[in-house]
PDB file of N, CA and C in Angstrom:
ATOM      1  N   MET A   1      16.755  93.264 187.975  1.00  0.00           N
ATOM      2  CA  MET A   1      16.296  94.406 189.163  1.00  0.00           C
ATOM      3  C   MET A   1      16.401  93.188 190.212  1.00  0.00           C
ATOM      4  N   GLU A   2      17.341  94.428 191.555  1.00  0.00           N
ATOM      5  CA  GLU A   2      17.829  93.905 192.196  1.00  0.00           C
ATOM      6  C   GLU A   2      16.720  93.359 193.940  1.00  0.00           C
ATOM      7  N   TYR A   3      16.261  92.307 193.784  1.00  0.00           N
ATOM      8  CA  TYR A   3      15.942  91.593 195.134  1.00  0.00           C
ATOM      9  C   TYR A   3      15.957  92.892 196.424  1.00  0.00           C
ATOM     10  N   ASP A   4      15.039  93.273 197.278  1.00  0.00           N
ATOM     11  CA  ASP A   4      14.895  94.420 198.408  1.00  0.00           C
ATOM     12  C   ASP A   4      14.328  93.679 199.567  1.00  0.00           C
ATOM     13  N   ASN A   5      15.154  93.185 200.259  1.00  0.00           N
ATOM     14  CA  ASN A   5      14.656  92.614 201.333  1.00  0.00           C
ATOM     15  C   ASN A   5      13.784  93.012 202.683  1.00  0.00           C
ATOM     16  N   LYS A   6      13.895  94.947 202.100  1.00  0.00           N
ATOM     17  CA  LYS A   6      13.859  95.150 203.799  1.00  0.00           C
ATOM     18  C   LYS A   6      12.315  95.135 204.037  1.00  0.00           C
ATOM     19  N   ASN A   7      11.723  95.420 205.334  1.00  0.00           N
ATOM     20  CA  ASN A   7      10.817  94.860 205.682  1.00  0.00           C
ATOM     21  C   ASN A   7      10.082  93.509 205.531  1.00  0.00           C
ATOM     22  N   SER A   8      11.216  92.823 205.319  1.00  0.00           N
ATOM     23  CA  SER A   8      10.513  91.559 205.877  1.00  0.00           C
ATOM     24  C   SER A   8      11.751  90.959 206.784  1.00  0.00           C
ATOM     25  N   GLY A   9      10.855  89.669 206.968  1.00  0.00           N
ATOM     26  CA  GLY A   9      12.209  89.287 208.032  1.00  0.00           C
ATOM     27  C   GLY A   9      11.538  86.800 208.406  1.00  0.00           C
ATOM     28  N   VAL A  10      12.194  86.855 209.056  1.00  0.00           N
ATOM     29  CA  VAL A  10      11.696  85.247 209.286  1.00  0.00           C
ATOM     30  C   VAL A  10      11.361  85.265 210.964  1.00  0.00           C
ATOM     31  N   LEU A  11      10.806  83.445 211.012  1.00  0.00           N
ATOM     32  CA  LEU A  11      10.505  83.417 212.721  1.00  0.00           C
ATOM     33  C   LEU A  11      11.131  82.128 212.381  1.00  0.00           C
ATOM     34  N   PHE A  12      11.492  81.576 213.306  1.00  0.00           N
ATOM     35  CA  PHE A  12      11.630  79.979 213.880  1.00  0.00           C
ATOM     36  C   PHE A  12      11.217  79.528 214.779  1.00  0.00           C
ATOM     37  N   LYS A  13      11.211  78.196 215.102  1.00  0.00           N
ATOM     38  CA  LYS A  13      10.431  77.736 216.315  1.00  0.00           C
ATOM     39  C   LYS A  13      11.439  77.827 217.597  1.00  0.00           C
ATOM     40  N   ASN A  14      11.583  78.335 218.618  1.00  0.00           N
ATOM     41  CA  ASN A  14      12.569  78.008 219.740  1.00  0.00           C
ATOM     42  C   ASN A  14      12.346  77.041 220.660  1.00  0.00           C
ATOM     43  N   ASP A  15      14.112  76.527 219.623  1.00  0.00           N
ATOM     44  CA  ASP A  15      14.604  75.094 219.635  1.00  0.00           C
ATOM     45  C   ASP A  15      14.628  75.163 221.718  1.00  0.00           C
ATOM     46  N   TYR A  16      15.562  76.218 222.028  1.00  0.00           N
ATOM     47  CA  TYR A  16      16.134  76.384 223.549  1.00  0.00           C
ATOM     48  C   TYR A  16      14.755  77.502 224.446  1.00  0.00           C
ATOM     49  N   LYS A  17      13.373  76.937 223.973  1.00  0.00           N
ATOM     50  CA  LYS A  17      13.281  77.824 225.529  1.00  0.00           C
ATOM     51  C   LYS A  17      13.022  76.861 226.589  1.00  0.00           C
ATOM     52  N   LYS A  18      13.413  77.177 227.698  1.00  0.00           N
ATOM     53  CA  LYS A  18      13.189  76.776 229.503  1.00  0.00           C
ATOM     54  C   LYS A  18      12.067  77.306 229.844  1.00  0.00           C
ATOM     55  N   ALA A  19      11.819  78.453 230.379  1.00  0.00           N
ATOM     56  CA  ALA A  19      10.786  78.905 230.919  1.00  0.00           C
ATOM     57  C   ALA A  19       9.376  79.767 229.775  1.00  0.00           C
ATOM     58  N   GLU A  20       8.359  80.254 231.084  1.00  0.00           N
ATOM     59  CA  GLU A  20       7.186  80.419 229.788  1.00  0.00           C
ATOM     60  C   GLU A  20       8.262  81.732 229.326  1.00  0.00           C
ATOM     61  N   ASN A  21       8.511  82.789 229.719  1.00  0.00           N
ATOM     62  CA  ASN A  21       8.444  83.663 229.552  1.00  0.00           C
ATOM     63  C   ASN A  21       9.321  83.974 228.243  1.00  0.00           C
ATOM     64  N   HIS A  22      10.484  83.150 228.259  1.00  0.00           N
ATOM     65  CA  HIS A  22      11.204  83.064 226.317  1.00  0.00           C
ATOM     66  C   HIS A  22      10.485  82.722 225.396  1.00  0.00           C
ATOM     67  N   PRO A  23      10.608  83.708 223.989  1.00  0.00           N
ATOM     68  CA  PRO A  23       9.619  83.075 223.311  1.00  0.00           C
ATOM     69  C   PRO A  23       9.428  82.188 222.817  1.00  0.00           C
ATOM     70  N   ASP A  24       8.161  81.592 221.394  1.00  0.00           N
ATOM     71  CA  ASP A  24       7.993  80.708 220.938  1.00  0.00           C
ATOM     72  C   ASP A  24       8.743  80.565 219.641  1.00  0.00           C
ATOM     73  N   TYR A  25       8.746  81.378 219.582  1.00  0.00           N
ATOM     74  CA  TYR A  25       9.353  81.468 218.266  1.00  0.00           C
ATOM     75  C   TYR A  25      10.661  82.416 218.384  1.00  0.00           C
ATOM     76  N   LYS A  26      11.695  83.421 217.325  1.00  0.00           N
ATOM     77  CA  LYS A  26      13.090  83.447 217.769  1.00  0.00           C
ATOM     78  C   LYS A  26      13.629  84.037 215.625  1.00  0.00           C
ATOM     79  N   GLY A  27      13.349  85.220 215.379  1.00  0.00           N
ATOM     80  CA  GLY A  27      14.020  85.470 214.786  1.00  0.00           C
ATOM     81  C   GLY A  27      14.461  86.818 214.028  1.00  0.00           C
ATOM     82  N   SER A  28      15.063  87.598 213.082  1.00  0.00           N
ATOM     83  CA  SER A  28      14.726  88.653 212.998  1.00  0.00           C
ATOM     84  C   SER A  28      14.386  89.772 211.254  1.00  0.00           C
ATOM     85  N   PHE A  29      14.815  90.563 211.107  1.00  0.00           N
ATOM     86  CA  PHE A  29      13.909  91.171 209.947  1.00  0.00           C
ATOM     87  C   PHE A  29      14.859  92.325 209.751  1.00  0.00           C
ATOM     88  N   THR A  30      14.870  92.857 208.251  1.00  0.00           N
ATOM     89  CA  THR A  30      15.252  93.976 207.932  1.00  0.00           C
ATOM     90  C   THR A  30      14.553  94.979 207.898  1.00  0.00           C
ATOM     91  N   ASP A  31      14.756  96.564 208.502  1.00  0.00           N
ATOM     92  CA  ASP A  31      14.177  97.212 208.162  1.00  0.00           C
ATOM     93  C   ASP A  31      13.465  98.512 207.406  1.00  0.00           C
ATOM     94  N   ALA A  32      13.018  99.678 206.930  1.00  0.00           N
ATOM     95  CA  ALA A  32      13.584  99.925 206.313  1.00  0.00           C
ATOM     96  C   ALA A  32      14.433 100.628 205.345  1.00  0.00           C
ATOM     97  N   ASP A  33      15.329 101.038 207.145  1.00  0.00           N
ATOM     98  CA  ASP A  33      16.484 101.247 207.118  1.00  0.00           C
ATOM     99  C   ASP A  33      18.038 101.061 207.026  1.00  0.00           C
ATOM    100  N   GLY A  34      17.444  99.241 206.847  1.00  0.00           N
ATOM    101  CA  GLY A  34      18.534  98.709 206.263  1.00  0.00           C
ATOM    102  C   GLY A  34      18.877  98.063 207.678  1.00  0.00           C
ATOM    103  N   GLN A  35      19.008  98.442 208.671  1.00  0.00           N
ATOM    104  CA  GLN A  35      18.974  97.642 209.443  1.00  0.00           C
ATOM    105  C   GLN A  35      17.776  97.166 210.190  1.00  0.00           C
ATOM    106  N   GLU A  36      19.260  95.850 211.357  1.00  0.00           N
ATOM    107  CA  GLU A  36      18.689  93.776 211.181  1.00  0.00           C
ATOM    108  C   GLU A  36      18.689  94.176 212.202  1.00  0.00           C
ATOM    109  N   LYS A  37      17.070  93.666 212.924  1.00  0.00           N
ATOM    110  CA  LYS A  37      16.185  93.809 214.024  1.00  0.00           C
ATOM    111  C   LYS A  37      16.521  92.466 214.521  1.00  0.00           C
ATOM    112  N   ASP A  38      16.024  92.074 215.759  1.00  0.00           N
ATOM    113  CA  ASP A  38      15.587  90.512 216.601  1.00  0.00           C
ATOM    114  C   ASP A  38      14.247  90.513 216.497  1.00  0.00           C
ATOM    115  N   LEU A  39      13.419  89.227 216.525  1.00  0.00           N
ATOM    116  CA  LEU A  39      12.163  89.901 216.083  1.00  0.00           C
ATOM    117  C   LEU A  39      11.939  87.772 217.200  1.00  0.00           C
ATOM    118  N   ALA A  40      10.711  88.535 218.146  1.00  0.00           N
ATOM    119  CA  ALA A  40      10.258  87.565 218.654  1.00  0.00           C
ATOM    120  C   ALA A  40       8.971  87.232 219.073  1.00  0.00           C
ATOM    121  N   ALA A  41       8.241  86.218 219.465  1.00  0.00           N
ATOM    122  CA  ALA A  41       7.137  85.723 219.644  1.00  0.00           C
ATOM    123  C   ALA A  41       6.956  84.575 219.852  1.00  0.00           C
ATOM    124  N   TRP A  42       5.067  85.457 220.692  1.00  0.00           N
ATOM    125  CA  TRP A  42       4.903  84.349 221.538  1.00  0.00           C
ATOM    126  C   TRP A  42       3.539  84.061 221.362  1.00  0.00           C
ATOM    127  N   VAL A  43       3.350  82.531 221.634  1.00  0.00           N
ATOM    128  CA  VAL A  43       1.962  82.025 220.938  1.00  0.00           C
ATOM    129  C   VAL A  43       0.935  82.268 222.187  1.00  0.00           C
ATOM    130  N   ARG A  44      -0.650  83.210 222.030  1.00  0.00           N
ATOM    131  CA  ARG A  44      -1.173  83.443 223.482  1.00  0.00           C
ATOM    132  C   ARG A  44      -2.178  83.096 222.931  1.00  0.00           C
ATOM    133  N   LYS A  45      -4.189  83.578 223.382  1.00  0.00           N
ATOM    134  CA  LYS A  45      -4.807  82.614 223.209  1.00  0.00           C
ATOM    135  C   LYS A  45      -5.814  84.372 223.973  1.00  0.00           C
ATOM    136  N   THR A  46      -6.004  84.882 223.259  1.00  0.00           N
ATOM    137  CA  THR A  46      -7.043  86.455 223.485  1.00  0.00           C
ATOM    138  C   THR A  46      -7.764  85.357 224.949  1.00  0.00           C
ATOM    139  N   ASN A  47      -8.722  86.700 225.006  1.00  0.00           N
ATOM    140  CA  ASN A  47      -9.422  85.877 226.317  1.00  0.00           C
ATOM    141  C   ASN A  47     -11.033  86.154 225.587  1.00  0.00           C
ATOM    142  N   ALA A  48     -11.241  86.336 224.843  1.00  0.00           N
ATOM    143  CA  ALA A  48     -12.392  86.024 223.315  1.00  0.00           C
ATOM    144  C   ALA A  48     -12.161  83.967 222.822  1.00  0.00           C
ATOM    145  N   GLY A  49     -10.778  83.505 223.558  1.00  0.00           N
ATOM    146  CA  GLY A  49     -10.363  81.848 223.041  1.00  0.00           C
ATOM    147  C   GLY A  49      -9.861  82.139 221.532  1.00  0.00           C
ATOM    148  N   LYS A  50      -8.971  83.380 221.173  1.00  0.00           N
ATOM    149  CA  LYS A  50      -8.737  82.863 219.548  1.00  0.00           C
ATOM    150  C   LYS A  50      -6.986  83.013 220.067  1.00  0.00           C
ATOM    151  N   MET A  51      -6.299  82.689 218.808  1.00  0.00           N
ATOM    152  CA  MET A  51      -4.966  82.057 219.392  1.00  0.00           C
ATOM    153  C   MET A  51      -4.892  83.852 218.439  1.00  0.00           C
ATOM    154  N   MET A  52      -3.511  83.920 218.509  1.00  0.00           N
ATOM    155  CA  MET A  52      -3.093  84.764 218.257  1.00  0.00           C
ATOM    156  C   MET A  52      -1.401  84.811 218.258  1.00  0.00           C
ATOM    157  N   LEU A  53      -0.310  85.572 217.864  1.00  0.00           N
ATOM    158  CA  LEU A  53       0.949  85.793 218.708  1.00  0.00           C
ATOM    159  C   LEU A  53       1.166  87.386 219.032  1.00  0.00           C
ATOM    160  N   SER A  54       1.652  87.401 219.881  1.00  0.00           N
ATOM    161  CA  SER A  54       2.441  88.808 220.454  1.00  0.00           C
ATOM    162  C   SER A  54       4.087  89.122 219.910  1.00  0.00           C
ATOM    163  N   VAL A  55       3.769  90.188 219.259  1.00  0.00           N
ATOM    164  CA  VAL A  55       5.359  90.175 218.618  1.00  0.00           C
ATOM    165  C   VAL A  55       6.426  90.720 219.572  1.00  0.00           C
ATOM    166  N   LYS A  56       7.839  90.952 219.822  1.00  0.00           N
ATOM    167  CA  LYS A  56       8.603  91.914 220.427  1.00  0.00           C
ATOM    168  C   LYS A  56       9.807  91.764 219.179  1.00  0.00           C
ATOM    169  N   VAL A  57       9.754  93.136 219.076  1.00  0.00           N
ATOM    170  CA  VAL A  57      11.306  93.423 218.012  1.00  0.00           C
ATOM    171  C   VAL A  57      12.148  94.288 219.357  1.00  0.00           C
ATOM    172  N   SER A  58      13.151  93.994 219.022  1.00  0.00           N
ATOM    173  CA  SER A  58      14.776  95.124 219.982  1.00  0.00           C
ATOM    174  C   SER A  58      15.681  95.042 218.853  1.00  0.00           C
ATOM    175  N   ASP A  59      16.717  95.953 218.944  1.00  0.00           N
ATOM    176  CA  ASP A  59      18.275  95.994 218.270  1.00  0.00           C
ATOM    177  C   ASP A  59      18.125  95.046 218.416  1.00  0.00           C
ATOM    178  N   LYS A  60      19.471  94.060 217.331  1.00  0.00           N
ATOM    179  CA  LYS A  60      20.014  93.637 216.970  1.00  0.00           C
ATOM    180  C   LYS A  60      21.162  93.350 218.447  1.00  0.00           C
ATOM    181  N   PHE A  61      20.903  91.714 219.006  1.00  0.00           N
ATOM    182  CA  PHE A  61      21.909  91.566 219.798  1.00  0.00           C
ATOM    183  C   PHE A  61      23.107  91.251 219.959  1.00  0.00           C
ATOM    184  N   VAL A  62      23.998  91.329 220.536  1.00  0.00           N
ATOM    185  CA  VAL A  62      25.545  91.240 220.200  1.00  0.00           C
ATOM    186  C   VAL A  62      26.012  90.795 221.104  1.00  0.00           C
ATOM    187  N   LYS A  63      26.169  89.788 220.928  1.00  0.00           N
ATOM    188  CA  LYS A  63      27.159  89.226 222.268  1.00  0.00           C
ATOM    189  C   LYS A  63      28.312  89.932 222.327  1.00  0.00           C
ATOM    190  N   GLU A  64      29.211  90.340 223.547  1.00  0.00           N
ATOM    191  CA  GLU A  64      29.982  90.539 224.170  1.00  0.00           C
ATOM    192  C   GLU A  64      31.233  89.637 223.801  1.00  0.00           C
ATOM    193  N   ASP A  65      32.489  89.759 223.457  1.00  0.00           N
ATOM    194  CA  ASP A  65      33.455  89.068 223.344  1.00  0.00           C
ATOM    195  C   ASP A  65      34.902  89.346 225.086  1.00  0.00           C
ATOM    196  N   ALA A  66      34.524  88.328 226.004  1.00  0.00           N
ATOM    197  CA  ALA A  66      34.807  88.446 227.080  1.00  0.00           C
ATOM    198  C   ALA A  66      36.266  88.654 227.324  1.00  0.00           C
ATOM    199  N   ASP A  67      37.184  88.528 226.278  1.00  0.00           N
ATOM    200  CA  ASP A  67      38.204  88.625 226.035  1.00  0.00           C
ATOM    201  C   ASP A  67      38.288  90.653 226.004  1.00  0.00           C
ATOM    202  N   GLN A  68      38.107  90.718 225.024  1.00  0.00           N
ATOM    203  CA  GLN A  68      37.594  92.248 224.446  1.00  0.00           C
ATOM    204  C   GLN A  68      36.864  93.485 225.347  1.00  0.00           C
ATOM    205  N   PRO A  69      37.501  94.372 225.332  1.00  0.00           N
ATOM    206  CA  PRO A  69      36.959  95.657 226.588  1.00  0.00           C
ATOM    207  C   PRO A  69      36.490  96.212 225.597  1.00  0.00           C
ATOM    208  N   ALA A  70      34.958  96.361 226.559  1.00  0.00           N
ATOM    209  CA  ALA A  70      33.690  97.501 226.001  1.00  0.00           C
ATOM    210  C   ALA A  70      34.154  98.528 225.502  1.00  0.00           C
ATOM    211  N   ALA A  71      33.332  98.588 224.319  1.00  0.00           N
ATOM    212  CA  ALA A  71      34.006  99.414 222.880  1.00  0.00           C
ATOM    213  C   ALA A  71      33.293 100.835 223.929  1.00  0.00           C
ATOM    214  N   ASP A  72      32.480 101.010 225.361  1.00  0.00           N
ATOM    215  CA  ASP A  72      32.553 102.280 225.867  1.00  0.00           C
ATOM    216  C   ASP A  72      32.932 102.199 227.315  1.00  0.00           C
ATOM    217  N   ALA A  73      34.066 101.274 227.729  1.00  0.00           N
ATOM    218  CA  ALA A  73      34.495 100.859 228.577  1.00  0.00           C
ATOM    219  C   ALA A  73      35.636 101.894 229.339  1.00  0.00           C
ATOM    220  N   PRO A  74      36.240 102.434 230.379  1.00  0.00           N
ATOM    221  CA  PRO A  74      36.717 103.760 230.515  1.00  0.00           C
ATOM    222  C   PRO A  74      38.626 102.742 230.121  1.00  0.00           C
ATOM    223  N   LYS A  75      38.827 103.426 229.144  1.00  0.00           N
ATOM    224  CA  LYS A  75      40.018 103.203 229.624  1.00  0.00           C
ATOM    225  C   LYS A  75      41.399 103.363 230.198  1.00  0.00           C
ATOM    226  N   ALA A  76      42.567 102.167 230.555  1.00  0.00           N
ATOM    227  CA  ALA A  76      43.215 102.519 231.349  1.00  0.00           C
ATOM    228  C   ALA A  76      44.595 103.604 231.572  1.00  0.00           C
ATOM    229  N   ALA A  77      44.338 104.048 232.384  1.00  0.00           N
ATOM    230  CA  ALA A  77      45.188 104.960 233.209  1.00  0.00           C
ATOM    231  C   ALA A  77      46.419 105.288 232.831  1.00  0.00           C
ATOM    232  N   PHE A  78      46.903 106.068 232.283  1.00  0.00           N
ATOM    233  CA  PHE A  78      48.498 106.149 231.968  1.00  0.00           C
ATOM    234  C   PHE A  78      49.400 105.976 232.596  1.00  0.00           C
ATOM    235  N   VAL A  79      50.582 104.417 232.500  1.00  0.00           N
ATOM    236  CA  VAL A  79      51.645 104.420 233.338  1.00  0.00           C
ATOM    237  C   VAL A  79      53.029 104.778 233.189  1.00  0.00           C
ATOM    238  N   ASP A  80      53.685 105.406 233.862  1.00  0.00           N
ATOM    239  CA  ASP A  80      54.795 105.462 233.330  1.00  0.00           C
ATOM    240  C   ASP A  80      55.988 105.054 234.472  1.00  0.00           C
ATOM    241  N   ASP A  81      55.966 103.877 233.614  1.00  0.00           N
ATOM    242  CA  ASP A  81      57.388 102.998 233.853  1.00  0.00           C
ATOM    243  C   ASP A  81      58.770 103.443 234.323  1.00  0.00           C
ATOM    244  N   ASP A  82      58.413 104.928 234.250  1.00  0.00           N
ATOM    245  CA  ASP A  82      60.165 105.174 234.107  1.00  0.00           C
ATOM    246  C   ASP A  82      59.741 105.691 235.353  1.00  0.00           C
ATOM    247  N   MET A  83      60.055 105.304 236.071  1.00  0.00           N
ATOM    248  CA  MET A  83      60.094 105.702 237.936  1.00  0.00           C
ATOM    249  C   MET A  83      61.509 105.498 238.390  1.00  0.00           C
ATOM    250  N   PRO A  84      61.855 106.530 240.124  1.00  0.00           N
ATOM    251  CA  PRO A  84      63.275 107.204 239.441  1.00  0.00           C
ATOM    252  C   PRO A  84      63.351 105.748 241.121  1.00  0.00           C
ATOM    253  N   PHE A  85      62.837 105.154 241.467  1.00  0.00           N
ATOM    254  CA  PHE A  85      63.647 104.450 242.540  1.00  0.00           C
ATOM    255  C   PHE A  85      62.947 102.756 242.025  1.00  0.00           C
TER     256      PHE A  85
END
């Protein structure tokens, strides 16, 4: 039987945290549809003083290549180089 990793993921300590709003932990998980999602967690304290993790799920971040135009970028207009002058 093949291993099913849907609805499971992993978190790692965020060694690049520079500001309070940056997550304490970052990672990813695979949802029930097989789509990979980003996962972020912050260590917080409740009003009662108990420690907890606040978690955020978001679509997978894809860094755009500076040399490649974005997929939804407008196409360049057609230029006819056969000008009579």
